[in-house]
C-alpha atoms as a PDB file:
ATOM      1  CA  UNK A   1      15.426   7.801 -22.581  1.00  0.00           C
ATOM      2  CA  UNK A   2      17.465   7.013 -19.431  1.00  0.00           C
ATOM      3  CA  UNK A   3      15.274   6.170 -16.519  1.00  0.00           C
ATOM      4  CA  UNK A   4      17.663   4.905 -14.061  1.00  0.00           C
ATOM      5  CA  UNK A   5      17.549   6.331 -10.683  1.00  0.00           C
ATOM      6  CA  UNK A   6      19.344   9.521 -10.460  1.00  0.00           C
ATOM      7  CA  UNK A   7      20.412  11.773  -7.368  1.00  0.00           C
ATOM      8  CA  UNK A   8      17.978  14.389  -7.445  1.00  0.00           C
ATOM      9  CA  UNK A   9      16.959  16.480  -4.106  1.00  0.00           C
ATOM     10  CA  UNK A  10      13.311  17.092  -5.118  1.00  0.00           C
ATOM     11  CA  UNK A  11      10.925  16.443  -8.068  1.00  0.00           C
ATOM     12  CA  UNK A  12       7.358  16.124  -8.965  1.00  0.00           C
ATOM     13  CA  UNK A  13       7.110  12.096  -7.904  1.00  0.00           C
ATOM     14  CA  UNK A  14       9.183  13.140  -4.409  1.00  0.00           C
ATOM     15  CA  UNK A  15       6.722  15.619  -3.882  1.00  0.00           C
ATOM     16  CA  UNK A  16       3.728  12.865  -4.711  1.00  0.00           C
ATOM     17  CA  UNK A  17       5.350  10.535  -2.509  1.00  0.00           C
ATOM     18  CA  UNK A  18       5.530  13.063   0.324  1.00  0.00           C
ATOM     19  CA  UNK A  19       2.264  14.163  -0.054  1.00  0.00           C
ATOM     20  CA  UNK A  20       1.018  10.452   0.399  1.00  0.00           C
ATOM     21  CA  UNK A  21       2.984  10.441   3.619  1.00  0.00           C
ATOM     22  CA  UNK A  22       1.453  13.549   5.000  1.00  0.00           C
ATOM     23  CA  UNK A  23      -1.966  12.006   4.241  1.00  0.00           C
ATOM     24  CA  UNK A  24      -1.462   9.061   6.319  1.00  0.00           C
ATOM     25  CA  UNK A  25      -1.977  10.474   9.900  1.00  0.00           C
ATOM     26  CA  UNK A  26      -5.108  12.466   8.239  1.00  0.00           C
ATOM     27  CA  UNK A  27      -6.797   9.099   7.373  1.00  0.00           C
ATOM     28  CA  UNK A  28      -6.301   7.965  10.587  1.00  0.00           C
ATOM     29  CA  UNK A  29      -6.722  11.382  12.588  1.00  0.00           C
ATOM     30  CA  UNK A  30     -10.144  12.326  10.950  1.00  0.00           C
ATOM     31  CA  UNK A  31     -11.710   9.116  12.759  1.00  0.00           C
ATOM     32  CA  UNK A  32     -10.324  10.544  16.225  1.00  0.00           C
ATOM     33  CA  UNK A  33     -12.261  13.619  15.753  1.00  0.00           C
ATOM     34  CA  UNK A  34     -15.257  13.698  18.345  1.00  0.00           C
ATOM     35  CA  UNK A  35     -18.766  12.872  16.680  1.00  0.00           C
ATOM     36  CA  UNK A  36     -20.133  15.663  18.353  1.00  0.00           C
ATOM     37  CA  UNK A  37     -17.836  17.994  15.799  1.00  0.00           C
ATOM     38  CA  UNK A  38     -17.529  15.910  12.718  1.00  0.00           C
ATOM     39  CA  UNK A  39     -20.479  12.872  12.261  1.00  0.00           C
ATOM     40  CA  UNK A  40     -19.235   9.232  11.547  1.00  0.00           C
ATOM     41  CA  UNK A  41     -20.834   9.674   8.005  1.00  0.00           C
ATOM     42  CA  UNK A  42     -18.406  12.740   7.587  1.00  0.00           C
ATOM     43  CA  UNK A  43     -15.780  11.013   9.086  1.00  0.00           C
ATOM     44  CA  UNK A  44     -16.256   7.972   6.482  1.00  0.00           C
ATOM     45  CA  UNK A  45     -16.443  10.207   3.719  1.00  0.00           C
ATOM     46  CA  UNK A  46     -13.387  12.503   4.412  1.00  0.00           C
ATOM     47  CA  UNK A  47     -11.154   9.526   5.308  1.00  0.00           C
ATOM     48  CA  UNK A  48     -12.463   7.924   2.151  1.00  0.00           C
ATOM     49  CA  UNK A  49     -11.441  10.980   0.179  1.00  0.00           C
ATOM     50  CA  UNK A  50      -8.012  11.350   1.828  1.00  0.00           C
ATOM     51  CA  UNK A  51      -7.227   7.402   0.818  1.00  0.00           C
ATOM     52  CA  UNK A  52      -8.246   8.137  -2.996  1.00  0.00           C
ATOM     53  CA  UNK A  53      -6.384  11.005  -2.965  1.00  0.00           C
ATOM     54  CA  UNK A  54      -3.057   9.233  -1.493  1.00  0.00           C
ATOM     55  CA  UNK A  55      -3.812   6.231  -3.828  1.00  0.00           C
ATOM     56  CA  UNK A  56      -3.635   8.496  -7.087  1.00  0.00           C
ATOM     57  CA  UNK A  57      -0.625  10.080  -5.655  1.00  0.00           C
ATOM     58  CA  UNK A  58       0.992   6.427  -5.443  1.00  0.00           C
ATOM     59  CA  UNK A  59      -0.455   6.059  -9.188  1.00  0.00           C
ATOM     60  CA  UNK A  60       0.983   9.197 -10.729  1.00  0.00           C
ATOM     61  CA  UNK A  61       4.577   9.207  -8.820  1.00  0.00           C
ATOM     62  CA  UNK A  62       5.597   5.915 -10.424  1.00  0.00           C
ATOM     63  CA  UNK A  63       4.025   6.901 -13.652  1.00  0.00           C
ATOM     64  CA  UNK A  64       5.950  10.408 -13.697  1.00  0.00           C
ATOM     65  CA  UNK A  65       9.343   8.987 -12.558  1.00  0.00           C
ATOM     66  CA  UNK A  66       9.520   6.368 -15.357  1.00  0.00           C
ATOM     67  CA  UNK A  67       8.111   8.053 -18.169  1.00  0.00           C
ATOM     68  CA  UNK A  68      10.114  11.472 -17.601  1.00  0.00           C
ATOM     69  CA  UNK A  69      13.471   9.817 -16.200  1.00  0.00           C
ATOM     70  CA  UNK A  70      12.855  11.415 -12.483  1.00  0.00           C
ATOM     71  CA  UNK A  71      13.426   8.364 -10.340  1.00  0.00           C
ATOM     72  CA  UNK A  72      15.676   8.770  -7.518  1.00  0.00           C
ATOM     73  CA  UNK A  73      17.349   6.336  -5.198  1.00  0.00           C
ATOM     74  CA  UNK A  74      15.252   8.201  -2.376  1.00  0.00           C
ATOM     75  CA  UNK A  75      12.059   7.832  -4.272  1.00  0.00           C
ATOM     76  CA  UNK A  76      12.812   4.479  -5.128  1.00  0.00           C
ATOM     77  CA  UNK A  77      13.008   3.750  -1.152  1.00  0.00           C
ATOM     78  CA  UNK A  78       9.934   5.861   0.077  1.00  0.00           C
ATOM     79  CA  UNK A  79       7.568   4.843  -2.527  1.00  0.00           C
ATOM     80  CA  UNK A  80       7.005   1.254  -1.258  1.00  0.00           C
ATOM     81  CA  UNK A  81       7.467   2.577   2.288  1.00  0.00           C
ATOM     82  CA  UNK A  82       4.652   5.017   1.792  1.00  0.00           C
ATOM     83  CA  UNK A  83       2.472   2.497   0.308  1.00  0.00           C
ATOM     84  CA  UNK A  84       2.938  -0.024   3.139  1.00  0.00           C
ATOM     85  CA  UNK A  85       2.310   2.482   5.706  1.00  0.00           C
ATOM     86  CA  UNK A  86      -0.752   3.882   3.932  1.00  0.00           C
ATOM     87  CA  UNK A  87      -2.446   0.363   3.549  1.00  0.00           C
ATOM     88  CA  UNK A  88      -1.510  -0.265   7.542  1.00  0.00           C
ATOM     89  CA  UNK A  89      -2.870   2.570   8.911  1.00  0.00           C
ATOM     90  CA  UNK A  90      -5.941   2.198   6.869  1.00  0.00           C
ATOM     91  CA  UNK A  91      -6.136  -1.087   8.163  1.00  0.00           C
ATOM     92  CA  UNK A  92      -5.864  -0.414  11.672  1.00  0.00           C
ATOM     93  CA  UNK A  93      -8.723   2.436  11.541  1.00  0.00           C
ATOM     94  CA  UNK A  94     -11.064  -0.199   9.861  1.00  0.00           C
ATOM     95  CA  UNK A  95      -9.991  -3.173  12.507  1.00  0.00           C
ATOM     96  CA  UNK A  96     -10.650  -0.456  15.444  1.00  0.00           C
ATOM     97  CA  UNK A  97     -14.410  -0.012  13.732  1.00  0.00           C
ATOM     98  CA  UNK A  98     -14.980  -3.752  13.174  1.00  0.00           C
ATOM     99  CA  UNK A  99     -15.007  -3.253   9.379  1.00  0.00           C
ATOM    100  CA  UNK A 100     -12.228  -5.582   8.818  1.00  0.00           C
ATOM    101  CA  UNK A 101     -11.556  -9.178  10.337  1.00  0.00           C
ATOM    102  CA  UNK A 102      -8.340  -9.181  12.345  1.00  0.00           C
ATOM    103  CA  UNK A 103      -6.961 -12.259  10.125  1.00  0.00           C
ATOM    104  CA  UNK A 104      -7.138 -10.111   7.161  1.00  0.00           C
ATOM    105  CA  UNK A 105      -5.374  -7.039   8.853  1.00  0.00           C
ATOM    106  CA  UNK A 106      -2.893  -9.611  10.137  1.00  0.00           C
ATOM    107  CA  UNK A 107      -2.456 -11.584   6.789  1.00  0.00           C
ATOM    108  CA  UNK A 108      -1.893  -8.181   4.676  1.00  0.00           C
ATOM    109  CA  UNK A 109       0.266  -6.287   7.223  1.00  0.00           C
ATOM    110  CA  UNK A 110       2.391  -9.270   8.342  1.00  0.00           C
ATOM    111  CA  UNK A 111       3.019  -9.750   4.074  1.00  0.00           C
ATOM    112  CA  UNK A 112       4.233  -6.530   3.735  1.00  0.00           C
ATOM    113  CA  UNK A 113       6.599  -7.043   6.393  1.00  0.00           C
ATOM    114  CA  UNK A 114       7.702 -10.575   5.269  1.00  0.00           C
ATOM    115  CA  UNK A 115       8.122  -9.171   1.665  1.00  0.00           C
ATOM    116  CA  UNK A 116      10.043  -6.177   2.578  1.00  0.00           C
ATOM    117  CA  UNK A 117      12.455  -8.161   4.798  1.00  0.00           C
ATOM    118  CA  UNK A 118      12.997 -10.585   2.156  1.00  0.00           C
ATOM    119  CA  UNK A 119      13.851  -8.047  -0.429  1.00  0.00           C
ATOM    120  CA  UNK A 120      16.124  -6.894   1.839  1.00  0.00           C
ATOM    121  CA  UNK A 121      17.958  -9.787   2.146  1.00  0.00           C
ATOM    122  CA  UNK A 122      17.843 -10.858  -1.443  1.00  0.00           C
ATOM    123  CA  UNK A 123      19.530  -7.502  -2.176  1.00  0.00           C
ATOM    124  CA  UNK A 124      22.250  -8.303   0.126  1.00  0.00           C
ATOM    125  CA  UNK A 125      23.026 -11.735  -1.245  1.00  0.00           C
ATOM    126  CA  UNK A 126      22.842  -9.717  -4.742  1.00  0.00           C
ATOM    127  CA  UNK A 127      19.649 -11.535  -6.124  1.00  0.00           C
ATOM    128  CA  UNK A 128      17.253  -8.547  -5.636  1.00  0.00           C
ATOM    129  CA  UNK A 129      15.886  -9.419  -9.212  1.00  0.00           C
ATOM    130  CA  UNK A 130      14.261 -12.635  -8.142  1.00  0.00           C
ATOM    131  CA  UNK A 131      11.703 -10.827  -5.758  1.00  0.00           C
ATOM    132  CA  UNK A 132      10.682  -7.744  -8.350  1.00  0.00           C
ATOM    133  CA  UNK A 133       7.080  -7.020  -8.267  1.00  0.00           C
ATOM    134  CA  UNK A 134       4.858  -9.646  -9.813  1.00  0.00           C
ATOM    135  CA  UNK A 135       1.558  -9.507 -11.488  1.00  0.00           C
ATOM    136  CA  UNK A 136      -0.090 -11.111  -8.408  1.00  0.00           C
ATOM    137  CA  UNK A 137       1.564  -8.473  -6.541  1.00  0.00           C
ATOM    138  CA  UNK A 138       0.012  -5.570  -8.650  1.00  0.00           C
ATOM    139  CA  UNK A 139      -3.373  -7.135  -8.786  1.00  0.00           C
ATOM    140  CA  UNK A 140      -3.397  -7.754  -4.835  1.00  0.00           C
ATOM    141  CA  UNK A 141      -2.661  -3.605  -4.448  1.00  0.00           C
ATOM    142  CA  UNK A 142      -5.376  -2.966  -6.911  1.00  0.00           C
ATOM    143  CA  UNK A 143      -7.886  -4.964  -4.968  1.00  0.00           C
ATOM    144  CA  UNK A 144      -6.692  -3.311  -1.763  1.00  0.00           C
ATOM    145  CA  UNK A 145      -6.734   0.352  -3.348  1.00  0.00           C
ATOM    146  CA  UNK A 146     -10.122  -0.046  -4.540  1.00  0.00           C
ATOM    147  CA  UNK A 147     -11.550  -2.246  -1.447  1.00  0.00           C
ATOM    148  CA  UNK A 148     -10.135   0.002   1.356  1.00  0.00           C
ATOM    149  CA  UNK A 149     -11.783   3.161   0.560  1.00  0.00           C
ATOM    150  CA  UNK A 150     -15.306   1.224   0.289  1.00  0.00           C
ATOM    151  CA  UNK A 151     -14.585   0.266   3.595  1.00  0.00           C
ATOM    152  CA  UNK A 152     -13.975   3.577   5.210  1.00  0.00           C
ATOM    153  CA  UNK A 153     -16.688   5.073   3.165  1.00  0.00           C
ATOM    154  CA  UNK A 154     -18.758   2.445   4.609  1.00  0.00           C
ATOM    155  CA  UNK A 155     -22.111   3.753   3.683  1.00  0.00           C
ATOM    156  CA  UNK A 156     -24.564   2.637   0.746  1.00  0.00           C
ATOM    157  CA  UNK A 157     -24.533   4.690  -2.480  1.00  0.00           C
ATOM    158  CA  UNK A 158     -28.032   4.811  -4.191  1.00  0.00           C
ATOM    159  CA  UNK A 159     -28.750   1.563  -2.482  1.00  0.00           C
ATOM    160  CA  UNK A 160     -25.461  -0.141  -3.307  1.00  0.00           C
ATOM    161  CA  UNK A 161     -23.875  -1.988  -0.284  1.00  0.00           C
ATOM    162  CA  UNK A 162     -20.631  -0.551  -0.722  1.00  0.00           C
ATOM    163  CA  UNK A 163     -19.408  -2.275   2.487  1.00  0.00           C
ATOM    164  CA  UNK A 164     -20.254  -5.647   1.064  1.00  0.00           C
ATOM    165  CA  UNK A 165     -18.467  -4.985  -2.310  1.00  0.00           C
ATOM    166  CA  UNK A 166     -15.526  -4.065  -0.279  1.00  0.00           C
ATOM    167  CA  UNK A 167     -15.510  -6.678   2.047  1.00  0.00           C
ATOM    168  CA  UNK A 168     -15.636  -9.263  -1.011  1.00  0.00           C
ATOM    169  CA  UNK A 169     -12.648  -7.344  -2.335  1.00  0.00           C
ATOM    170  CA  UNK A 170     -10.562  -7.378   0.826  1.00  0.00           C
ATOM    171  CA  UNK A 171     -10.917 -11.102   0.752  1.00  0.00           C
ATOM    172  CA  UNK A 172      -9.980 -11.310  -2.727  1.00  0.00           C
ATOM    173  CA  UNK A 173      -7.098  -9.150  -1.804  1.00  0.00           C
ATOM    174  CA  UNK A 174      -6.074 -11.316   1.307  1.00  0.00           C
ATOM    175  CA  UNK A 175      -5.866 -14.589  -0.891  1.00  0.00           C
ATOM    176  CA  UNK A 176      -3.734 -12.567  -3.566  1.00  0.00           C
ATOM    177  CA  UNK A 177      -1.661 -11.290  -0.656  1.00  0.00           C
ATOM    178  CA  UNK A 178      -0.845 -14.985   0.449  1.00  0.00           C
ATOM    179  CA  UNK A 179      -0.390 -16.525  -2.987  1.00  0.00           C
ATOM    180  CA  UNK A 180       1.999 -13.390  -3.958  1.00  0.00           C
ATOM    181  CA  UNK A 181       4.056 -13.965  -0.875  1.00  0.00           C
ATOM    182  CA  UNK A 182       4.315 -17.863  -1.548  1.00  0.00           C
ATOM    183  CA  UNK A 183       5.616 -16.900  -5.150  1.00  0.00           C
ATOM    184  CA  UNK A 184       8.288 -14.499  -3.703  1.00  0.00           C
ATOM    185  CA  UNK A 185       9.494 -17.106  -1.294  1.00  0.00           C
ATOM    186  CA  UNK A 186       9.683 -19.716  -3.397  1.00  0.00           C
ATOM    187  CA  UNK A 187      11.636 -17.760  -5.979  1.00  0.00           C
ATOM    188  CA  UNK A 188      14.027 -16.706  -2.943  1.00  0.00           C
ATOM    189  CA  UNK A 189      14.462 -20.075  -1.387  1.00  0.00           C
ATOM    190  CA  UNK A 190      17.292 -21.394  -3.486  1.00  0.00           C
ATOM    191  CA  UNK A 191      19.291 -18.374  -2.122  1.00  0.00           C
ATOM    192  CA  UNK A 192      18.351 -18.800   1.549  1.00  0.00           C
ATOM    193  CA  UNK A 193      21.688 -20.497   2.322  1.00  0.00           C
ATOM    194  CA  UNK A 194      23.676 -17.686   0.775  1.00  0.00           C
ATOM    195  CA  UNK A 195      26.028 -15.555   2.523  1.00  0.00           C
ATOM    196  CA  UNK A 196      25.600 -11.687   2.177  1.00  0.00           C
ATOM    197  CA  UNK A 197      28.118 -10.175  -0.274  1.00  0.00           C
ATOM    198  CA  UNK A 198      28.603  -7.114   1.801  1.00  0.00           C
END
């Protein structure tokens, strides 16, 4: 079955991607509601649910696009952008509430900006295949997607310290973030002197 990107205006993966993008302001906005209207515990719960739903759409859109040949050029562009915006927005919320260290947020967001710029450069010199997503990047993404909703939820569940577990996982994600960035930079380094092909 041909799974190469096709020019399609709208399909299921695109709807899922746009849904994820639409959820980003909701993840932030729920924490801006006055506590006289919505308690912090309810804000934590709703923000966590919004993030989990967004993370599920992230898993589904790529799977459906690959399995049923619904990939599009726009979808290939929007999918990673939506992921980075979602994670960055959540980290800013967590930073505002003191639930994540500033260095952690800086490393994760800075890495996403760096790798995005790196991929754009490698595409311009015709070597985009050298910086495809690697296993370290995938494990990093999983650690982020598990830790962030825990940090958003914050409260204990049946005596289990969810915040502590989320903190451990976000630090693991940070280490993997740095290592995966190193792997990408190492793969791209031989091409830094190349001139763009267009």
